[in-house]
Amino acid sequence: MGMTNKDRAVSEDITIHRLTNDTLRESYKQGVRGYAEEARLLYYLGLSSWKDMALEAVELWYGTAVVFTSFSMKRYRAEHLPNAFLKGYPGDTNLTISMNHGKEIMQDLLATG
């Protein structure tokens, strides 16, 4: 399973392609240890231990057209994280959310801050 047609069309835009590559390069600039630790926390500790975390707010934005994770799983995650807020964007993917709703998401983040 690869990209959705919607993601593929967006990624063909050379500017988006460059920005995505720059972002990925930057996120791994210091190695993969941070990514590996996050994966360990997500998959090995399980959601039940997250209930005990002292979190002020967790904001989750998801596109309902994402094919790798069902929206019900995203809802389940939000229900098990303390102080979590889940917002779904019908028809969007993880790639198209920032393009179509980036300003709104930034406003949400700044308001929460």
PDB file of N, CA and C in Angstrom:
ATOM      1  N   MET A   1       0.857  -1.172   0.000  1.00  0.00           N
ATOM      2  CA  MET A   1       0.000   0.000   0.000  1.00  0.00           C
ATOM      3  C   MET A   1       0.899   1.230   0.000  1.00  0.00           C
ATOM      4  N   GLY A   2       0.642   2.144  -0.882  1.00  0.00           N
ATOM      5  CA  GLY A   2       1.432   3.358  -0.975  1.00  0.00           C
ATOM      6  C   GLY A   2       0.591   4.572  -0.671  1.00  0.00           C
ATOM      7  N   MET A   3       0.944   5.656  -1.308  1.00  0.00           N
ATOM      8  CA  MET A   3       0.206   6.907  -1.137  1.00  0.00           C
ATOM      9  C   MET A   3      -1.179   6.813  -1.758  1.00  0.00           C
ATOM     10  N   THR A   4      -2.088   7.580  -1.205  1.00  0.00           N
ATOM     11  CA  THR A   4      -3.395   7.710  -1.838  1.00  0.00           C
ATOM     12  C   THR A   4      -3.230   8.558  -3.098  1.00  0.00           C
ATOM     13  N   ASN A   5      -4.178   8.498  -3.984  1.00  0.00           N
ATOM     14  CA  ASN A   5      -4.126   9.319  -5.197  1.00  0.00           C
ATOM     15  C   ASN A   5      -4.084  10.794  -4.845  1.00  0.00           C
ATOM     16  N   LYS A   6      -4.799  11.170  -3.798  1.00  0.00           N
ATOM     17  CA  LYS A   6      -4.824  12.566  -3.354  1.00  0.00           C
ATOM     18  C   LYS A   6      -3.425  13.004  -2.901  1.00  0.00           C
ATOM     19  N   ASP A   7      -2.746  12.169  -2.093  1.00  0.00           N
ATOM     20  CA  ASP A   7      -1.388  12.491  -1.645  1.00  0.00           C
ATOM     21  C   ASP A   7      -0.409  12.504  -2.813  1.00  0.00           C
ATOM     22  N   ARG A   8      -0.555  11.564  -3.720  1.00  0.00           N
ATOM     23  CA  ARG A   8       0.339  11.485  -4.869  1.00  0.00           C
ATOM     24  C   ARG A   8       0.243  12.761  -5.707  1.00  0.00           C
ATOM     25  N   ALA A   9      -0.976  13.231  -5.931  1.00  0.00           N
ATOM     26  CA  ALA A   9      -1.172  14.454  -6.718  1.00  0.00           C
ATOM     27  C   ALA A   9      -0.523  15.656  -6.025  1.00  0.00           C
ATOM     28  N   VAL A  10      -0.685  15.748  -4.715  1.00  0.00           N
ATOM     29  CA  VAL A  10      -0.086  16.855  -3.968  1.00  0.00           C
ATOM     30  C   VAL A  10       1.433  16.765  -3.992  1.00  0.00           C
ATOM     31  N   SER A  11       1.974  15.567  -3.817  1.00  0.00           N
ATOM     32  CA  SER A  11       3.427  15.411  -3.734  1.00  0.00           C
ATOM     33  C   SER A  11       4.122  15.654  -5.072  1.00  0.00           C
ATOM     34  N   GLU A  12       3.372  15.661  -6.167  1.00  0.00           N
ATOM     35  CA  GLU A  12       3.970  15.949  -7.469  1.00  0.00           C
ATOM     36  C   GLU A  12       4.276  17.428  -7.649  1.00  0.00           C
ATOM     37  N   ASP A  13       3.691  18.272  -6.811  1.00  0.00           N
ATOM     38  CA  ASP A  13       4.019  19.701  -6.834  1.00  0.00           C
ATOM     39  C   ASP A  13       5.455  19.841  -6.329  1.00  0.00           C
ATOM     40  N   ILE A  14       6.339  20.407  -7.126  1.00  0.00           N
ATOM     41  CA  ILE A  14       7.778  20.458  -6.800  1.00  0.00           C
ATOM     42  C   ILE A  14       8.038  21.208  -5.489  1.00  0.00           C
ATOM     43  N   THR A  15       7.271  22.250  -5.209  1.00  0.00           N
ATOM     44  CA  THR A  15       7.461  22.994  -3.958  1.00  0.00           C
ATOM     45  C   THR A  15       7.103  22.121  -2.762  1.00  0.00           C
ATOM     46  N   ILE A  16       5.982  21.425  -2.838  1.00  0.00           N
ATOM     47  CA  ILE A  16       5.570  20.531  -1.750  1.00  0.00           C
ATOM     48  C   ILE A  16       6.587  19.405  -1.600  1.00  0.00           C
ATOM     49  N   HIS A  17       7.047  18.888  -2.715  1.00  0.00           N
ATOM     50  CA  HIS A  17       8.045  17.814  -2.689  1.00  0.00           C
ATOM     51  C   HIS A  17       9.314  18.268  -1.960  1.00  0.00           C
ATOM     52  N   ARG A  18       9.789  19.448  -2.286  1.00  0.00           N
ATOM     53  CA  ARG A  18      11.000  19.976  -1.631  1.00  0.00           C
ATOM     54  C   ARG A  18      10.765  20.228  -0.144  1.00  0.00           C
ATOM     55  N   LEU A  19       9.630  20.824   0.200  1.00  0.00           N
ATOM     56  CA  LEU A  19       9.331  21.082   1.608  1.00  0.00           C
ATOM     57  C   LEU A  19       9.241  19.786   2.409  1.00  0.00           C
ATOM     58  N   THR A  20       8.606  18.773   1.827  1.00  0.00           N
ATOM     59  CA  THR A  20       8.494  17.478   2.501  1.00  0.00           C
ATOM     60  C   THR A  20       9.871  16.862   2.709  1.00  0.00           C
ATOM     61  N   ASN A  21      10.695  16.887   1.675  1.00  0.00           N
ATOM     62  CA  ASN A  21      12.051  16.342   1.805  1.00  0.00           C
ATOM     63  C   ASN A  21      12.869  17.104   2.837  1.00  0.00           C
ATOM     64  N   ASP A  22      12.770  18.428   2.828  1.00  0.00           N
ATOM     65  CA  ASP A  22      13.502  19.234   3.813  1.00  0.00           C
ATOM     66  C   ASP A  22      13.050  18.906   5.233  1.00  0.00           C
ATOM     67  N   THR A  23      11.754  18.740   5.416  1.00  0.00           N
ATOM     68  CA  THR A  23      11.213  18.415   6.734  1.00  0.00           C
ATOM     69  C   THR A  23      11.711  17.054   7.207  1.00  0.00           C
ATOM     70  N   LEU A  24      11.666  16.075   6.317  1.00  0.00           N
ATOM     71  CA  LEU A  24      12.145  14.733   6.685  1.00  0.00           C
ATOM     72  C   LEU A  24      13.638  14.747   7.009  1.00  0.00           C
ATOM     73  N   ARG A  25      14.408  15.420   6.183  1.00  0.00           N
ATOM     74  CA  ARG A  25      15.853  15.513   6.451  1.00  0.00           C
ATOM     75  C   ARG A  25      16.120  16.145   7.812  1.00  0.00           C
ATOM     76  N   GLU A  26      15.418  17.228   8.104  1.00  0.00           N
ATOM     77  CA  GLU A  26      15.622  17.929   9.371  1.00  0.00           C
ATOM     78  C   GLU A  26      15.228  17.050  10.552  1.00  0.00           C
ATOM     79  N   SER A  27      14.129  16.302  10.411  1.00  0.00           N
ATOM     80  CA  SER A  27      13.658  15.492  11.539  1.00  0.00           C
ATOM     81  C   SER A  27      14.616  14.356  11.877  1.00  0.00           C
ATOM     82  N   TYR A  28      15.422  13.940  10.912  1.00  0.00           N
ATOM     83  CA  TYR A  28      16.384  12.859  11.156  1.00  0.00           C
ATOM     84  C   TYR A  28      17.825  13.363  11.226  1.00  0.00           C
ATOM     85  N   LYS A  29      18.008  14.662  11.261  1.00  0.00           N
ATOM     86  CA  LYS A  29      19.359  15.252  11.232  1.00  0.00           C
ATOM     87  C   LYS A  29      20.242  14.731  12.370  1.00  0.00           C
ATOM     88  N   GLN A  30      19.650  14.529  13.530  1.00  0.00           N
ATOM     89  CA  GLN A  30      20.416  14.050  14.676  1.00  0.00           C
ATOM     90  C   GLN A  30      20.277  12.543  14.862  1.00  0.00           C
ATOM     91  N   GLY A  31      19.812  11.866  13.828  1.00  0.00           N
ATOM     92  CA  GLY A  31      19.683  10.418  13.896  1.00  0.00           C
ATOM     93  C   GLY A  31      18.239   9.985  14.084  1.00  0.00           C
ATOM     94  N   VAL A  32      18.064   8.702  14.254  1.00  0.00           N
ATOM     95  CA  VAL A  32      16.713   8.145  14.357  1.00  0.00           C
ATOM     96  C   VAL A  32      16.320   7.817  15.798  1.00  0.00           C
ATOM     97  N   ARG A  33      17.154   8.174  16.744  1.00  0.00           N
ATOM     98  CA  ARG A  33      16.880   7.813  18.134  1.00  0.00           C
ATOM     99  C   ARG A  33      15.548   8.373  18.643  1.00  0.00           C
ATOM    100  N   GLY A  34      15.243   9.638  18.311  1.00  0.00           N
ATOM    101  CA  GLY A  34      13.986  10.237  18.750  1.00  0.00           C
ATOM    102  C   GLY A  34      12.786   9.514  18.155  1.00  0.00           C
ATOM    103  N   TYR A  35      12.871   9.207  16.881  1.00  0.00           N
ATOM    104  CA  TYR A  35      11.789   8.473  16.217  1.00  0.00           C
ATOM    105  C   TYR A  35      11.623   7.087  16.838  1.00  0.00           C
ATOM    106  N   ALA A  36      12.734   6.430  17.083  1.00  0.00           N
ATOM    107  CA  ALA A  36      12.691   5.086  17.671  1.00  0.00           C
ATOM    108  C   ALA A  36      12.097   5.121  19.083  1.00  0.00           C
ATOM    109  N   GLU A  37      12.431   6.140  19.863  1.00  0.00           N
ATOM    110  CA  GLU A  37      11.890   6.260  21.214  1.00  0.00           C
ATOM    111  C   GLU A  37      10.383   6.512  21.178  1.00  0.00           C
ATOM    112  N   GLU A  38       9.952   7.358  20.257  1.00  0.00           N
ATOM    113  CA  GLU A  38       8.523   7.615  20.125  1.00  0.00           C
ATOM    114  C   GLU A  38       7.780   6.336  19.722  1.00  0.00           C
ATOM    115  N   ALA A  39       8.338   5.589  18.796  1.00  0.00           N
ATOM    116  CA  ALA A  39       7.722   4.327  18.384  1.00  0.00           C
ATOM    117  C   ALA A  39       7.639   3.360  19.565  1.00  0.00           C
ATOM    118  N   ARG A  40       8.692   3.309  20.357  1.00  0.00           N
ATOM    119  CA  ARG A  40       8.690   2.428  21.530  1.00  0.00           C
ATOM    120  C   ARG A  40       7.584   2.829  22.493  1.00  0.00           C
ATOM    121  N   LEU A  41       7.474   4.119  22.758  1.00  0.00           N
ATOM    122  CA  LEU A  41       6.427   4.597  23.668  1.00  0.00           C
ATOM    123  C   LEU A  41       5.033   4.291  23.130  1.00  0.00           C
ATOM    124  N   LEU A  42       4.843   4.539  21.850  1.00  0.00           N
ATOM    125  CA  LEU A  42       3.523   4.333  21.258  1.00  0.00           C
ATOM    126  C   LEU A  42       3.115   2.872  21.220  1.00  0.00           C
ATOM    127  N   TYR A  43       4.050   1.999  20.882  1.00  0.00           N
ATOM    128  CA  TYR A  43       3.673   0.609  20.631  1.00  0.00           C
ATOM    129  C   TYR A  43       3.925  -0.340  21.796  1.00  0.00           C
ATOM    130  N   TYR A  44       4.896  -0.036  22.634  1.00  0.00           N
ATOM    131  CA  TYR A  44       5.215  -0.984  23.695  1.00  0.00           C
ATOM    132  C   TYR A  44       4.625  -0.608  25.048  1.00  0.00           C
ATOM    133  N   LEU A  45       4.502   0.664  25.320  1.00  0.00           N
ATOM    134  CA  LEU A  45       3.926   1.061  26.598  1.00  0.00           C
ATOM    135  C   LEU A  45       2.408   0.967  26.574  1.00  0.00           C
ATOM    136  N   GLY A  46       1.825   1.150  25.425  1.00  0.00           N
ATOM    137  CA  GLY A  46       0.374   1.037  25.293  1.00  0.00           C
ATOM    138  C   GLY A  46      -0.356   2.273  25.765  1.00  0.00           C
ATOM    139  N   LEU A  47      -1.589   2.378  25.336  1.00  0.00           N
ATOM    140  CA  LEU A  47      -2.388   3.559  25.658  1.00  0.00           C
ATOM    141  C   LEU A  47      -2.806   3.621  27.117  1.00  0.00           C
ATOM    142  N   SER A  48      -2.908   2.489  27.804  1.00  0.00           N
ATOM    143  CA  SER A  48      -3.383   2.516  29.187  1.00  0.00           C
ATOM    144  C   SER A  48      -2.453   3.319  30.086  1.00  0.00           C
ATOM    145  N   SER A  49      -1.158   3.291  29.828  1.00  0.00           N
ATOM    146  CA  SER A  49      -0.225   4.039  30.674  1.00  0.00           C
ATOM    147  C   SER A  49      -0.277   5.539  30.389  1.00  0.00           C
ATOM    148  N   TRP A  50      -0.858   5.936  29.272  1.00  0.00           N
ATOM    149  CA  TRP A  50      -0.944   7.354  28.941  1.00  0.00           C
ATOM    150  C   TRP A  50      -1.925   8.084  29.841  1.00  0.00           C
ATOM    151  N   LYS A  51      -2.870   7.363  30.415  1.00  0.00           N
ATOM    152  CA  LYS A  51      -3.874   8.002  31.272  1.00  0.00           C
ATOM    153  C   LYS A  51      -3.233   8.664  32.482  1.00  0.00           C
ATOM    154  N   ASP A  52      -2.080   8.174  32.890  1.00  0.00           N
ATOM    155  CA  ASP A  52      -1.411   8.700  34.071  1.00  0.00           C
ATOM    156  C   ASP A  52      -0.500   9.892  33.766  1.00  0.00           C
ATOM    157  N   MET A  53      -0.351  10.237  32.515  1.00  0.00           N
ATOM    158  CA  MET A  53       0.526  11.349  32.151  1.00  0.00           C
ATOM    159  C   MET A  53      -0.121  12.674  32.532  1.00  0.00           C
ATOM    160  N   ALA A  54       0.690  13.587  33.010  1.00  0.00           N
ATOM    161  CA  ALA A  54       0.208  14.916  33.375  1.00  0.00           C
ATOM    162  C   ALA A  54       0.320  15.825  32.152  1.00  0.00           C
ATOM    163  N   LEU A  55      -0.694  15.812  31.321  1.00  0.00           N
ATOM    164  CA  LEU A  55      -0.693  16.602  30.100  1.00  0.00           C
ATOM    165  C   LEU A  55      -1.739  17.702  30.202  1.00  0.00           C
ATOM    166  N   GLU A  56      -1.321  18.917  29.842  1.00  0.00           N
ATOM    167  CA  GLU A  56      -2.282  20.020  29.861  1.00  0.00           C
ATOM    168  C   GLU A  56      -3.259  19.903  28.703  1.00  0.00           C
ATOM    169  N   ALA A  57      -2.747  19.565  27.529  1.00  0.00           N
ATOM    170  CA  ALA A  57      -3.600  19.444  26.352  1.00  0.00           C
ATOM    171  C   ALA A  57      -2.876  18.631  25.290  1.00  0.00           C
ATOM    172  N   VAL A  58      -3.635  17.825  24.599  1.00  0.00           N
ATOM    173  CA  VAL A  58      -3.125  17.067  23.458  1.00  0.00           C
ATOM    174  C   VAL A  58      -4.090  17.331  22.315  1.00  0.00           C
ATOM    175  N   GLU A  59      -3.578  17.916  21.251  1.00  0.00           N
ATOM    176  CA  GLU A  59      -4.431  18.196  20.102  1.00  0.00           C
ATOM    177  C   GLU A  59      -4.035  17.270  18.972  1.00  0.00           C
ATOM    178  N   LEU A  60      -5.031  16.575  18.426  1.00  0.00           N
ATOM    179  CA  LEU A  60      -4.808  15.617  17.350  1.00  0.00           C
ATOM    180  C   LEU A  60      -5.656  16.025  16.155  1.00  0.00           C
ATOM    181  N   TRP A  61      -5.009  16.172  15.003  1.00  0.00           N
ATOM    182  CA  TRP A  61      -5.712  16.492  13.776  1.00  0.00           C
ATOM    183  C   TRP A  61      -5.488  15.347  12.805  1.00  0.00           C
ATOM    184  N   TYR A  62      -6.572  14.867  12.234  1.00  0.00           N
ATOM    185  CA  TYR A  62      -6.470  13.738  11.313  1.00  0.00           C
ATOM    186  C   TYR A  62      -7.355  13.945  10.105  1.00  0.00           C
ATOM    187  N   GLY A  63      -6.869  13.481   8.989  1.00  0.00           N
ATOM    188  CA  GLY A  63      -7.685  13.442   7.786  1.00  0.00           C
ATOM    189  C   GLY A  63      -8.441  12.124   7.753  1.00  0.00           C
ATOM    190  N   THR A  64      -9.700  12.186   7.422  1.00  0.00           N
ATOM    191  CA  THR A  64     -10.497  10.961   7.397  1.00  0.00           C
ATOM    192  C   THR A  64     -10.157  10.084   6.202  1.00  0.00           C
ATOM    193  N   ALA A  65      -9.403  10.617   5.237  1.00  0.00           N
ATOM    194  CA  ALA A  65      -9.034   9.833   4.055  1.00  0.00           C
ATOM    195  C   ALA A  65      -7.697   9.111   4.216  1.00  0.00           C
ATOM    196  N   VAL A  66      -7.109   9.173   5.395  1.00  0.00           N
ATOM    197  CA  VAL A  66      -5.855   8.463   5.647  1.00  0.00           C
ATOM    198  C   VAL A  66      -6.140   6.969   5.587  1.00  0.00           C
ATOM    199  N   VAL A  67      -5.321   6.244   4.834  1.00  0.00           N
ATOM    200  CA  VAL A  67      -5.595   4.816   4.641  1.00  0.00           C
ATOM    201  C   VAL A  67      -4.834   3.917   5.612  1.00  0.00           C
ATOM    202  N   PHE A  68      -3.837   4.433   6.298  1.00  0.00           N
ATOM    203  CA  PHE A  68      -3.005   3.591   7.145  1.00  0.00           C
ATOM    204  C   PHE A  68      -3.589   3.359   8.534  1.00  0.00           C
ATOM    205  N   THR A  69      -4.422   4.287   9.001  1.00  0.00           N
ATOM    206  CA  THR A  69      -5.022   4.171  10.322  1.00  0.00           C
ATOM    207  C   THR A  69      -6.486   4.569  10.224  1.00  0.00           C
ATOM    208  N   SER A  70      -7.356   3.746  10.746  1.00  0.00           N
ATOM    209  CA  SER A  70      -8.784   4.062  10.688  1.00  0.00           C
ATOM    210  C   SER A  70      -9.097   5.229  11.620  1.00  0.00           C
ATOM    211  N   PHE A  71     -10.138   5.973  11.281  1.00  0.00           N
ATOM    212  CA  PHE A  71     -10.522   7.090  12.134  1.00  0.00           C
ATOM    213  C   PHE A  71     -10.984   6.604  13.499  1.00  0.00           C
ATOM    214  N   SER A  72     -11.559   5.395  13.562  1.00  0.00           N
ATOM    215  CA  SER A  72     -11.984   4.858  14.861  1.00  0.00           C
ATOM    216  C   SER A  72     -10.772   4.640  15.778  1.00  0.00           C
ATOM    217  N   MET A  73      -9.639   4.240  15.209  1.00  0.00           N
ATOM    218  CA  MET A  73      -8.425   4.083  16.016  1.00  0.00           C
ATOM    219  C   MET A  73      -7.942   5.443  16.512  1.00  0.00           C
ATOM    220  N   LYS A  74      -8.063   6.447  15.691  1.00  0.00           N
ATOM    221  CA  LYS A  74      -7.677   7.800  16.100  1.00  0.00           C
ATOM    222  C   LYS A  74      -8.588   8.283  17.231  1.00  0.00           C
ATOM    223  N   ARG A  75      -9.882   7.997  17.096  1.00  0.00           N
ATOM    224  CA  ARG A  75     -10.831   8.362  18.147  1.00  0.00           C
ATOM    225  C   ARG A  75     -10.487   7.633  19.442  1.00  0.00           C
ATOM    226  N   TYR A  76     -10.158   6.356  19.338  1.00  0.00           N
ATOM    227  CA  TYR A  76      -9.775   5.558  20.506  1.00  0.00           C
ATOM    228  C   TYR A  76      -8.558   6.178  21.197  1.00  0.00           C
ATOM    229  N   ARG A  77      -7.571   6.584  20.405  1.00  0.00           N
ATOM    230  CA  ARG A  77      -6.371   7.209  20.968  1.00  0.00           C
ATOM    231  C   ARG A  77      -6.747   8.482  21.721  1.00  0.00           C
ATOM    232  N   ALA A  78      -7.583   9.305  21.126  1.00  0.00           N
ATOM    233  CA  ALA A  78      -7.971  10.560  21.775  1.00  0.00           C
ATOM    234  C   ALA A  78      -8.742  10.310  23.067  1.00  0.00           C
ATOM    235  N   GLU A  79      -9.556   9.270  23.075  1.00  0.00           N
ATOM    236  CA  GLU A  79     -10.331   8.949  24.282  1.00  0.00           C
ATOM    237  C   GLU A  79      -9.442   8.466  25.420  1.00  0.00           C
ATOM    238  N   HIS A  80      -8.265   7.966  25.115  1.00  0.00           N
ATOM    239  CA  HIS A  80      -7.392   7.420  26.137  1.00  0.00           C
ATOM    240  C   HIS A  80      -6.229   8.334  26.522  1.00  0.00           C
ATOM    241  N   LEU A  81      -6.122   9.458  25.875  1.00  0.00           N
ATOM    242  CA  LEU A  81      -5.119  10.447  26.261  1.00  0.00           C
ATOM    243  C   LEU A  81      -5.790  11.510  27.120  1.00  0.00           C
ATOM    244  N   PRO A  82      -5.185  11.868  28.245  1.00  0.00           N
ATOM    245  CA  PRO A  82      -5.796  12.897  29.091  1.00  0.00           C
ATOM    246  C   PRO A  82      -5.831  14.241  28.359  1.00  0.00           C
ATOM    247  N   ASN A  83      -6.930  14.942  28.503  1.00  0.00           N
ATOM    248  CA  ASN A  83      -7.095  16.280  27.936  1.00  0.00           C
ATOM    249  C   ASN A  83      -6.873  16.327  26.427  1.00  0.00           C
ATOM    250  N   ALA A  84      -7.300  15.293  25.736  1.00  0.00           N
ATOM    251  CA  ALA A  84      -7.089  15.228  24.288  1.00  0.00           C
ATOM    252  C   ALA A  84      -8.275  15.813  23.534  1.00  0.00           C
ATOM    253  N   PHE A  85      -7.959  16.425  22.430  1.00  0.00           N
ATOM    254  CA  PHE A  85      -8.948  16.995  21.528  1.00  0.00           C
ATOM    255  C   PHE A  85      -8.657  16.440  20.139  1.00  0.00           C
ATOM    256  N   LEU A  86      -9.640  15.826  19.523  1.00  0.00           N
ATOM    257  CA  LEU A  86      -9.490  15.243  18.195  1.00  0.00           C
ATOM    258  C   LEU A  86     -10.357  15.994  17.211  1.00  0.00           C
ATOM    259  N   LYS A  87      -9.746  16.392  16.115  1.00  0.00           N
ATOM    260  CA  LYS A  87     -10.504  17.048  15.060  1.00  0.00           C
ATOM    261  C   LYS A  87     -10.229  16.313  13.763  1.00  0.00           C
ATOM    262  N   GLY A  88     -11.281  15.859  13.117  1.00  0.00           N
ATOM    263  CA  GLY A  88     -11.154  15.160  11.849  1.00  0.00           C
ATOM    264  C   GLY A  88     -11.523  16.067  10.699  1.00  0.00           C
ATOM    265  N   TYR A  89     -10.786  15.935   9.616  1.00  0.00           N
ATOM    266  CA  TYR A  89     -11.043  16.706   8.414  1.00  0.00           C
ATOM    267  C   TYR A  89     -11.498  15.757   7.313  1.00  0.00           C
ATOM    268  N   PRO A  90     -12.796  15.773   7.011  1.00  0.00           N
ATOM    269  CA  PRO A  90     -13.326  14.856   5.995  1.00  0.00           C
ATOM    270  C   PRO A  90     -12.636  15.037   4.641  1.00  0.00           C
ATOM    271  N   GLY A  91     -12.210  13.916   4.088  1.00  0.00           N
ATOM    272  CA  GLY A  91     -11.609  13.919   2.764  1.00  0.00           C
ATOM    273  C   GLY A  91     -10.146  14.279   2.710  1.00  0.00           C
ATOM    274  N   ASP A  92      -9.573  14.706   3.818  1.00  0.00           N
ATOM    275  CA  ASP A  92      -8.160  15.074   3.821  1.00  0.00           C
ATOM    276  C   ASP A  92      -7.291  13.905   4.251  1.00  0.00           C
ATOM    277  N   THR A  93      -6.036  13.977   3.864  1.00  0.00           N
ATOM    278  CA  THR A  93      -5.026  13.014   4.272  1.00  0.00           C
ATOM    279  C   THR A  93      -4.038  13.743   5.172  1.00  0.00           C
ATOM    280  N   ASN A  94      -3.079  13.027   5.726  1.00  0.00           N
ATOM    281  CA  ASN A  94      -2.077  13.683   6.561  1.00  0.00           C
ATOM    282  C   ASN A  94      -1.290  14.724   5.776  1.00  0.00           C
ATOM    283  N   LEU A  95      -1.136  14.510   4.496  1.00  0.00           N
ATOM    284  CA  LEU A  95      -0.396  15.451   3.659  1.00  0.00           C
ATOM    285  C   LEU A  95      -1.236  16.674   3.298  1.00  0.00           C
ATOM    286  N   THR A  96      -2.514  16.489   3.044  1.00  0.00           N
ATOM    287  CA  THR A  96      -3.335  17.620   2.605  1.00  0.00           C
ATOM    288  C   THR A  96      -3.890  18.463   3.751  1.00  0.00           C
ATOM    289  N   ILE A  97      -3.862  17.948   4.967  1.00  0.00           N
ATOM    290  CA  ILE A  97      -4.384  18.723   6.098  1.00  0.00           C
ATOM    291  C   ILE A  97      -3.650  20.052   6.240  1.00  0.00           C
ATOM    292  N   SER A  98      -2.335  20.013   6.243  1.00  0.00           N
ATOM    293  CA  SER A  98      -1.582  21.250   6.465  1.00  0.00           C
ATOM    294  C   SER A  98      -1.789  22.233   5.323  1.00  0.00           C
ATOM    295  N   MET A  99      -1.970  21.721   4.111  1.00  0.00           N
ATOM    296  CA  MET A  99      -2.199  22.618   2.982  1.00  0.00           C
ATOM    297  C   MET A  99      -3.584  23.251   3.042  1.00  0.00           C
ATOM    298  N   ASN A 100      -4.575  22.474   3.413  1.00  0.00           N
ATOM    299  CA  ASN A 100      -5.954  22.954   3.400  1.00  0.00           C
ATOM    300  C   ASN A 100      -6.395  23.607   4.703  1.00  0.00           C
ATOM    301  N   HIS A 101      -5.736  23.270   5.815  1.00  0.00           N
ATOM    302  CA  HIS A 101      -6.206  23.738   7.126  1.00  0.00           C
ATOM    303  C   HIS A 101      -5.066  24.244   8.014  1.00  0.00           C
ATOM    304  N   GLY A 102      -3.907  24.490   7.441  1.00  0.00           N
ATOM    305  CA  GLY A 102      -2.743  24.895   8.225  1.00  0.00           C
ATOM    306  C   GLY A 102      -2.969  26.132   9.071  1.00  0.00           C
ATOM    307  N   LYS A 103      -3.613  27.137   8.502  1.00  0.00           N
ATOM    308  CA  LYS A 103      -3.859  28.378   9.245  1.00  0.00           C
ATOM    309  C   LYS A 103      -4.751  28.112  10.459  1.00  0.00           C
ATOM    310  N   GLU A 104      -5.818  27.334  10.248  1.00  0.00           N
ATOM    311  CA  GLU A 104      -6.725  27.001  11.340  1.00  0.00           C
ATOM    312  C   GLU A 104      -6.010  26.216  12.443  1.00  0.00           C
ATOM    313  N   ILE A 105      -5.171  25.272  12.060  1.00  0.00           N
ATOM    314  CA  ILE A 105      -4.432  24.457  13.041  1.00  0.00           C
ATOM    315  C   ILE A 105      -3.462  25.338  13.821  1.00  0.00           C
ATOM    316  N   MET A 106      -2.777  26.245  13.139  1.00  0.00           N
ATOM    317  CA  MET A 106      -1.857  27.149  13.846  1.00  0.00           C
ATOM    318  C   MET A 106      -2.625  28.048  14.818  1.00  0.00           C
ATOM    319  N   GLN A 107      -3.797  28.514  14.414  1.00  0.00           N
ATOM    320  CA  GLN A 107      -4.602  29.332  15.314  1.00  0.00           C
ATOM    321  C   GLN A 107      -5.026  28.537  16.548  1.00  0.00           C
ATOM    322  N   ASP A 108      -5.385  27.264  16.341  1.00  0.00           N
ATOM    323  CA  ASP A 108      -5.731  26.388  17.466  1.00  0.00           C
ATOM    324  C   ASP A 108      -4.542  26.229  18.419  1.00  0.00           C
ATOM    325  N   LEU A 109      -3.358  25.999  17.842  1.00  0.00           N
ATOM    326  CA  LEU A 109      -2.159  25.834  18.665  1.00  0.00           C
ATOM    327  C   LEU A 109      -1.845  27.107  19.454  1.00  0.00           C
ATOM    328  N   LEU A 110      -1.934  28.243  18.806  1.00  0.00           N
ATOM    329  CA  LEU A 110      -1.641  29.506  19.479  1.00  0.00           C
ATOM    330  C   LEU A 110      -2.672  29.810  20.567  1.00  0.00           C
ATOM    331  N   ALA A 111      -3.911  29.449  20.339  1.00  0.00           N
ATOM    332  CA  ALA A 111      -4.962  29.674  21.334  1.00  0.00           C
ATOM    333  C   ALA A 111      -4.772  28.770  22.541  1.00  0.00           C
ATOM    334  N   THR A 112      -4.248  27.564  22.324  1.00  0.00           N
ATOM    335  CA  THR A 112      -4.033  26.611  23.406  1.00  0.00           C
ATOM    336  C   THR A 112      -2.834  27.024  24.240  1.00  0.00           C
ATOM    337  N   GLY A 113      -1.786  27.522  23.557  1.00  0.00           N
ATOM    338  CA  GLY A 113      -0.505  27.860  24.148  1.00  0.00           C
ATOM    339  C   GLY A 113      -0.562  28.486  25.457  1.00  0.00           C
TER     340      GLY A 113
END
